[in-house]
Amino acid sequence: KENVPKTIDQTLNPDEETMLSIYKMA
């Protein structure tokens, strides 16, 4: 799971709450 942030579209620049949402969609 720690590798997921490296995959995110660079235009998003997610905050902590958004990251939780991204983890769930991933």
PDB file of all heavy atoms in Angstrom:
ATOM      1  N   LYS A   1       0.820  -1.215   0.000  1.00  0.00           N
ATOM      2  CA  LYS A   1       0.000   0.000   0.000  1.00  0.00           C
ATOM      3  C   LYS A   1       0.853   1.265   0.000  1.00  0.00           C
ATOM      4  O   LYS A   1       0.455   2.294  -0.554  1.00  0.00           O
ATOM      5  CB  LYS A   1      -0.920  -0.016   1.220  1.00  0.00           C
ATOM      6  CG  LYS A   1      -1.880   1.155   1.309  1.00  0.00           C
ATOM      7  CD  LYS A   1      -2.763   1.024   2.537  1.00  0.00           C
ATOM      8  CE  LYS A   1      -3.683   2.225   2.692  1.00  0.00           C
ATOM      9  NZ  LYS A   1      -4.537   2.119   3.902  1.00  0.00           N
ATOM     10  N   GLU A   2       2.026   1.189   0.586  1.00  0.00           N
ATOM     11  CA  GLU A   2       2.892   2.375   0.672  1.00  0.00           C
ATOM     12  C   GLU A   2       3.352   2.852  -0.693  1.00  0.00           C
ATOM     13  O   GLU A   2       3.790   4.003  -0.839  1.00  0.00           O
ATOM     14  CB  GLU A   2       4.106   2.074   1.557  1.00  0.00           C
ATOM     15  CG  GLU A   2       3.750   1.811   3.019  1.00  0.00           C
ATOM     16  CD  GLU A   2       4.971   1.496   3.866  1.00  0.00           C
ATOM     17  OE1 GLU A   2       6.093   1.451   3.287  1.00  0.00           O
ATOM     18  OE2 GLU A   2       4.814   1.304   5.085  1.00  0.00           O
ATOM     19  N   ASN A   3       3.255   1.998  -1.696  1.00  0.00           N
ATOM     20  CA  ASN A   3       3.694   2.376  -3.042  1.00  0.00           C
ATOM     21  C   ASN A   3       2.620   3.113  -3.833  1.00  0.00           C
ATOM     22  O   ASN A   3       2.915   3.718  -4.867  1.00  0.00           O
ATOM     23  CB  ASN A   3       4.122   1.133  -3.828  1.00  0.00           C
ATOM     24  CG  ASN A   3       5.392   0.514  -3.278  1.00  0.00           C
ATOM     25  OD1 ASN A   3       6.264   1.220  -2.762  1.00  0.00           O
ATOM     26  ND2 ASN A   3       5.505  -0.796  -3.374  1.00  0.00           N
ATOM     27  N   VAL A   4       1.372   3.054  -3.361  1.00  0.00           N
ATOM     28  CA  VAL A   4       0.266   3.648  -4.109  1.00  0.00           C
ATOM     29  C   VAL A   4       0.476   5.143  -4.387  1.00  0.00           C
ATOM     30  O   VAL A   4       0.217   5.598  -5.514  1.00  0.00           O
ATOM     31  CB  VAL A   4      -1.078   3.401  -3.392  1.00  0.00           C
ATOM     32  CG1 VAL A   4      -2.206   4.185  -4.056  1.00  0.00           C
ATOM     33  CG2 VAL A   4      -1.410   1.913  -3.393  1.00  0.00           C
ATOM     34  N   PRO A   5       0.925   5.945  -3.394  1.00  0.00           N
ATOM     35  CA  PRO A   5       1.098   7.383  -3.686  1.00  0.00           C
ATOM     36  C   PRO A   5       2.012   7.666  -4.879  1.00  0.00           C
ATOM     37  O   PRO A   5       1.859   8.699  -5.543  1.00  0.00           O
ATOM     38  CB  PRO A   5       1.700   7.930  -2.385  1.00  0.00           C
ATOM     39  CG  PRO A   5       1.191   7.006  -1.325  1.00  0.00           C
ATOM     40  CD  PRO A   5       1.169   5.644  -1.970  1.00  0.00           C
ATOM     41  N   LYS A   6       2.934   6.755  -5.178  1.00  0.00           N
ATOM     42  CA  LYS A   6       3.856   6.964  -6.297  1.00  0.00           C
ATOM     43  C   LYS A   6       3.150   6.803  -7.649  1.00  0.00           C
ATOM     44  O   LYS A   6       3.690   7.228  -8.680  1.00  0.00           O
ATOM     45  CB  LYS A   6       5.013   5.963  -6.218  1.00  0.00           C
ATOM     46  CG  LYS A   6       5.825   6.056  -4.936  1.00  0.00           C
ATOM     47  CD  LYS A   6       6.869   4.942  -4.879  1.00  0.00           C
ATOM     48  CE  LYS A   6       7.607   4.940  -3.548  1.00  0.00           C
ATOM     49  NZ  LYS A   6       8.571   3.820  -3.450  1.00  0.00           N
ATOM     50  N   THR A   7       1.964   6.199  -7.643  1.00  0.00           N
ATOM     51  CA  THR A   7       1.253   5.939  -8.895  1.00  0.00           C
ATOM     52  C   THR A   7       0.259   7.045  -9.255  1.00  0.00           C
ATOM     53  O   THR A   7      -0.246   7.082 -10.364  1.00  0.00           O
ATOM     54  CB  THR A   7       0.460   4.622  -8.810  1.00  0.00           C
ATOM     55  OG1 THR A   7      -0.674   4.792  -7.941  1.00  0.00           O
ATOM     56  CG2 THR A   7       1.323   3.493  -8.282  1.00  0.00           C
ATOM     57  N   ILE A   8      -0.025   7.943  -8.321  1.00  0.00           N
ATOM     58  CA  ILE A   8      -1.122   8.896  -8.496  1.00  0.00           C
ATOM     59  C   ILE A   8      -0.785   9.951  -9.541  1.00  0.00           C
ATOM     60  O   ILE A   8       0.356  10.417  -9.641  1.00  0.00           O
ATOM     61  CB  ILE A   8      -1.439   9.567  -7.144  1.00  0.00           C
ATOM     62  CG1 ILE A   8      -1.925   8.509  -6.142  1.00  0.00           C
ATOM     63  CG2 ILE A   8      -2.499  10.649  -7.298  1.00  0.00           C
ATOM     64  CD1 ILE A   8      -2.015   9.035  -4.730  1.00  0.00           C
ATOM     65  N   ASP A   9      -1.780  10.325 -10.315  1.00  0.00           N
ATOM     66  CA  ASP A   9      -1.644  11.400 -11.294  1.00  0.00           C
ATOM     67  C   ASP A   9      -1.070  12.635 -10.602  1.00  0.00           C
ATOM     68  O   ASP A   9      -1.599  13.107  -9.597  1.00  0.00           O
ATOM     69  CB  ASP A   9      -3.027  11.722 -11.879  1.00  0.00           C
ATOM     70  CG  ASP A   9      -2.959  12.655 -13.077  1.00  0.00           C
ATOM     71  OD1 ASP A   9      -1.991  13.424 -13.191  1.00  0.00           O
ATOM     72  OD2 ASP A   9      -3.900  12.631 -13.887  1.00  0.00           O
ATOM     73  N   GLN A  10       0.019  13.148 -11.124  1.00  0.00           N
ATOM     74  CA  GLN A  10       0.731  14.256 -10.478  1.00  0.00           C
ATOM     75  C   GLN A  10      -0.097  15.533 -10.412  1.00  0.00           C
ATOM     76  O   GLN A  10       0.187  16.417  -9.595  1.00  0.00           O
ATOM     77  CB  GLN A  10       2.052  14.525 -11.209  1.00  0.00           C
ATOM     78  CG  GLN A  10       3.049  13.382 -11.082  1.00  0.00           C
ATOM     79  CD  GLN A  10       4.350  13.676 -11.797  1.00  0.00           C
ATOM     80  OE1 GLN A  10       4.480  14.680 -12.514  1.00  0.00           O
ATOM     81  NE2 GLN A  10       5.333  12.805 -11.633  1.00  0.00           N
ATOM     82  N   THR A  11      -1.126  15.646 -11.229  1.00  0.00           N
ATOM     83  CA  THR A  11      -1.955  16.858 -11.207  1.00  0.00           C
ATOM     84  C   THR A  11      -2.880  16.906  -9.999  1.00  0.00           C
ATOM     85  O   THR A  11      -3.468  17.950  -9.711  1.00  0.00           O
ATOM     86  CB  THR A  11      -2.809  16.972 -12.486  1.00  0.00           C
ATOM     87  OG1 THR A  11      -3.771  15.894 -12.515  1.00  0.00           O
ATOM     88  CG2 THR A  11      -1.936  16.913 -13.727  1.00  0.00           C
ATOM     89  N   LEU A  12      -3.021  15.779  -9.275  1.00  0.00           N
ATOM     90  CA  LEU A  12      -3.985  15.723  -8.180  1.00  0.00           C
ATOM     91  C   LEU A  12      -3.482  16.384  -6.894  1.00  0.00           C
ATOM     92  O   LEU A  12      -4.221  17.072  -6.203  1.00  0.00           O
ATOM     93  CB  LEU A  12      -4.370  14.265  -7.891  1.00  0.00           C
ATOM     94  CG  LEU A  12      -5.294  13.616  -8.916  1.00  0.00           C
ATOM     95  CD1 LEU A  12      -5.466  12.124  -8.639  1.00  0.00           C
ATOM     96  CD2 LEU A  12      -6.654  14.305  -8.929  1.00  0.00           C
ATOM     97  N   ASN A  13      -2.203  16.126  -6.526  1.00  0.00           N
ATOM     98  CA  ASN A  13      -1.640  16.683  -5.295  1.00  0.00           C
ATOM     99  C   ASN A  13      -2.588  16.474  -4.111  1.00  0.00           C
ATOM    100  O   ASN A  13      -3.062  17.430  -3.482  1.00  0.00           O
ATOM    101  CB  ASN A  13      -1.346  18.177  -5.467  1.00  0.00           C
ATOM    102  CG  ASN A  13      -0.510  18.731  -4.318  1.00  0.00           C
ATOM    103  OD1 ASN A  13       0.237  17.988  -3.663  1.00  0.00           O
ATOM    104  ND2 ASN A  13      -0.649  20.021  -4.053  1.00  0.00           N
ATOM    105  N   PRO A  14      -2.898  15.207  -3.764  1.00  0.00           N
ATOM    106  CA  PRO A  14      -3.955  14.923  -2.789  1.00  0.00           C
ATOM    107  C   PRO A  14      -3.562  15.231  -1.349  1.00  0.00           C
ATOM    108  O   PRO A  14      -2.400  15.088  -0.970  1.00  0.00           O
ATOM    109  CB  PRO A  14      -4.190  13.427  -2.964  1.00  0.00           C
ATOM    110  CG  PRO A  14      -2.868  12.907  -3.440  1.00  0.00           C
ATOM    111  CD  PRO A  14      -2.285  13.992  -4.300  1.00  0.00           C
ATOM    112  N   ASP A  15      -4.544  15.641  -0.553  1.00  0.00           N
ATOM    113  CA  ASP A  15      -4.333  15.787   0.878  1.00  0.00           C
ATOM    114  C   ASP A  15      -4.620  14.440   1.548  1.00  0.00           C
ATOM    115  O   ASP A  15      -4.919  13.445   0.887  1.00  0.00           O
ATOM    116  CB  ASP A  15      -5.222  16.892   1.462  1.00  0.00           C
ATOM    117  CG  ASP A  15      -6.699  16.670   1.189  1.00  0.00           C
ATOM    118  OD1 ASP A  15      -7.103  15.511   0.934  1.00  0.00           O
ATOM    119  OD2 ASP A  15      -7.466  17.651   1.220  1.00  0.00           O
ATOM    120  N   GLU A  16      -4.552  14.393   2.893  1.00  0.00           N
ATOM    121  CA  GLU A  16      -4.685  13.128   3.612  1.00  0.00           C
ATOM    122  C   GLU A  16      -6.059  12.500   3.402  1.00  0.00           C
ATOM    123  O   GLU A  16      -6.179  11.289   3.182  1.00  0.00           O
ATOM    124  CB  GLU A  16      -4.439  13.356   5.101  1.00  0.00           C
ATOM    125  CG  GLU A  16      -4.432  12.074   5.926  1.00  0.00           C
ATOM    126  CD  GLU A  16      -4.067  12.327   7.381  1.00  0.00           C
ATOM    127  OE1 GLU A  16      -3.557  13.424   7.693  1.00  0.00           O
ATOM    128  OE2 GLU A  16      -4.298  11.420   8.209  1.00  0.00           O
ATOM    129  N   GLU A  17      -7.121  13.311   3.437  1.00  0.00           N
ATOM    130  CA  GLU A  17      -8.472  12.791   3.252  1.00  0.00           C
ATOM    131  C   GLU A  17      -8.653  12.230   1.855  1.00  0.00           C
ATOM    132  O   GLU A  17      -9.255  11.162   1.667  1.00  0.00           O
ATOM    133  CB  GLU A  17      -9.502  13.889   3.518  1.00  0.00           C
ATOM    134  CG  GLU A  17     -10.938  13.397   3.447  1.00  0.00           C
ATOM    135  CD  GLU A  17     -11.956  14.514   3.665  1.00  0.00           C
ATOM    136  OE1 GLU A  17     -11.582  15.695   3.544  1.00  0.00           O
ATOM    137  OE2 GLU A  17     -13.121  14.193   3.951  1.00  0.00           O
ATOM    138  N   THR A  18      -8.126  12.947   0.876  1.00  0.00           N
ATOM    139  CA  THR A  18      -8.229  12.470  -0.502  1.00  0.00           C
ATOM    140  C   THR A  18      -7.460  11.168  -0.679  1.00  0.00           C
ATOM    141  O   THR A  18      -7.904  10.264  -1.404  1.00  0.00           O
ATOM    142  CB  THR A  18      -7.708  13.537  -1.479  1.00  0.00           C
ATOM    143  OG1 THR A  18      -8.462  14.736  -1.318  1.00  0.00           O
ATOM    144  CG2 THR A  18      -7.825  13.068  -2.918  1.00  0.00           C
ATOM    145  N   MET A  19      -6.313  11.037  -0.018  1.00  0.00           N
ATOM    146  CA  MET A  19      -5.524   9.812  -0.130  1.00  0.00           C
ATOM    147  C   MET A  19      -6.306   8.608   0.372  1.00  0.00           C
ATOM    148  O   MET A  19      -6.233   7.523  -0.211  1.00  0.00           O
ATOM    149  CB  MET A  19      -4.218   9.936   0.658  1.00  0.00           C
ATOM    150  CG  MET A  19      -3.078  10.577  -0.104  1.00  0.00           C
ATOM    151  SD  MET A  19      -2.718   9.821  -1.717  1.00  0.00           S
ATOM    152  CE  MET A  19      -2.547   8.099  -1.302  1.00  0.00           C
ATOM    153  N   LEU A  20      -7.066   8.770   1.454  1.00  0.00           N
ATOM    154  CA  LEU A  20      -7.878   7.667   1.955  1.00  0.00           C
ATOM    155  C   LEU A  20      -8.880   7.215   0.899  1.00  0.00           C
ATOM    156  O   LEU A  20      -9.121   6.022   0.715  1.00  0.00           O
ATOM    157  CB  LEU A  20      -8.612   8.093   3.235  1.00  0.00           C
ATOM    158  CG  LEU A  20      -7.738   8.352   4.462  1.00  0.00           C
ATOM    159  CD1 LEU A  20      -8.590   8.875   5.620  1.00  0.00           C
ATOM    160  CD2 LEU A  20      -6.992   7.090   4.881  1.00  0.00           C
ATOM    161  N   SER A  21      -9.463   8.179   0.200  1.00  0.00           N
ATOM    162  CA  SER A  21     -10.402   7.876  -0.872  1.00  0.00           C
ATOM    163  C   SER A  21      -9.698   7.170  -2.029  1.00  0.00           C
ATOM    164  O   SER A  21     -10.216   6.209  -2.605  1.00  0.00           O
ATOM    165  CB  SER A  21     -11.061   9.173  -1.360  1.00  0.00           C
ATOM    166  OG  SER A  21     -11.942   8.923  -2.416  1.00  0.00           O
ATOM    167  N   ILE A  22      -8.496   7.626  -2.355  1.00  0.00           N
ATOM    168  CA  ILE A  22      -7.722   7.010  -3.438  1.00  0.00           C
ATOM    169  C   ILE A  22      -7.361   5.567  -3.099  1.00  0.00           C
ATOM    170  O   ILE A  22      -7.440   4.670  -3.948  1.00  0.00           O
ATOM    171  CB  ILE A  22      -6.468   7.847  -3.743  1.00  0.00           C
ATOM    172  CG1 ILE A  22      -6.863   9.182  -4.378  1.00  0.00           C
ATOM    173  CG2 ILE A  22      -5.512   7.082  -4.662  1.00  0.00           C
ATOM    174  CD1 ILE A  22      -5.702  10.146  -4.574  1.00  0.00           C
ATOM    175  N   TYR A  23      -6.967   5.337  -1.848  1.00  0.00           N
ATOM    176  CA  TYR A  23      -6.648   3.970  -1.425  1.00  0.00           C
ATOM    177  C   TYR A  23      -7.843   3.039  -1.636  1.00  0.00           C
ATOM    178  O   TYR A  23      -7.697   1.900  -2.087  1.00  0.00           O
ATOM    179  CB  TYR A  23      -6.258   3.949   0.056  1.00  0.00           C
ATOM    180  CG  TYR A  23      -4.855   4.424   0.341  1.00  0.00           C
ATOM    181  CD1 TYR A  23      -4.607   5.333   1.378  1.00  0.00           C
ATOM    182  CD2 TYR A  23      -3.755   3.965  -0.390  1.00  0.00           C
ATOM    183  CE1 TYR A  23      -3.322   5.784   1.659  1.00  0.00           C
ATOM    184  CE2 TYR A  23      -2.462   4.404  -0.124  1.00  0.00           C
ATOM    185  CZ  TYR A  23      -2.256   5.314   0.905  1.00  0.00           C
ATOM    186  OH  TYR A  23      -0.986   5.765   1.173  1.00  0.00           O
ATOM    187  N   LYS A  24      -9.033   3.513  -1.296  1.00  0.00           N
ATOM    188  CA  LYS A  24     -10.233   2.687  -1.424  1.00  0.00           C
ATOM    189  C   LYS A  24     -10.538   2.390  -2.895  1.00  0.00           C
ATOM    190  O   LYS A  24     -10.909   1.274  -3.249  1.00  0.00           O
ATOM    191  CB  LYS A  24     -11.427   3.363  -0.755  1.00  0.00           C
ATOM    192  CG  LYS A  24     -11.322   3.394   0.761  1.00  0.00           C
ATOM    193  CD  LYS A  24     -12.500   4.108   1.407  1.00  0.00           C
ATOM    194  CE  LYS A  24     -12.362   4.144   2.921  1.00  0.00           C
ATOM    195  NZ  LYS A  24     -13.468   4.891   3.570  1.00  0.00           N
ATOM    196  N   MET A  25     -10.380   3.420  -3.751  1.00  0.00           N
ATOM    197  CA  MET A  25     -10.629   3.172  -5.168  1.00  0.00           C
ATOM    198  C   MET A  25      -9.556   2.249  -5.744  1.00  0.00           C
ATOM    199  O   MET A  25      -9.851   1.390  -6.587  1.00  0.00           O
ATOM    200  CB  MET A  25     -10.684   4.476  -5.967  1.00  0.00           C
ATOM    201  CG  MET A  25     -11.090   4.241  -7.421  1.00  0.00           C
ATOM    202  SD  MET A  25     -10.974   5.666  -8.509  1.00  0.00           S
ATOM    203  CE  MET A  25     -12.508   6.506  -8.128  1.00  0.00           C
ATOM    204  N   ALA A  26      -8.320   2.397  -5.293  1.00  0.00           N
ATOM    205  CA  ALA A  26      -7.236   1.540  -5.775  1.00  0.00           C
ATOM    206  C   ALA A  26      -7.498   0.085  -5.398  1.00  0.00           C
ATOM    207  O   ALA A  26      -7.314  -0.833  -6.215  1.00  0.00           O
ATOM    208  CB  ALA A  26      -5.907   2.001  -5.199  1.00  0.00           C
TER     209      ALA A  26
END
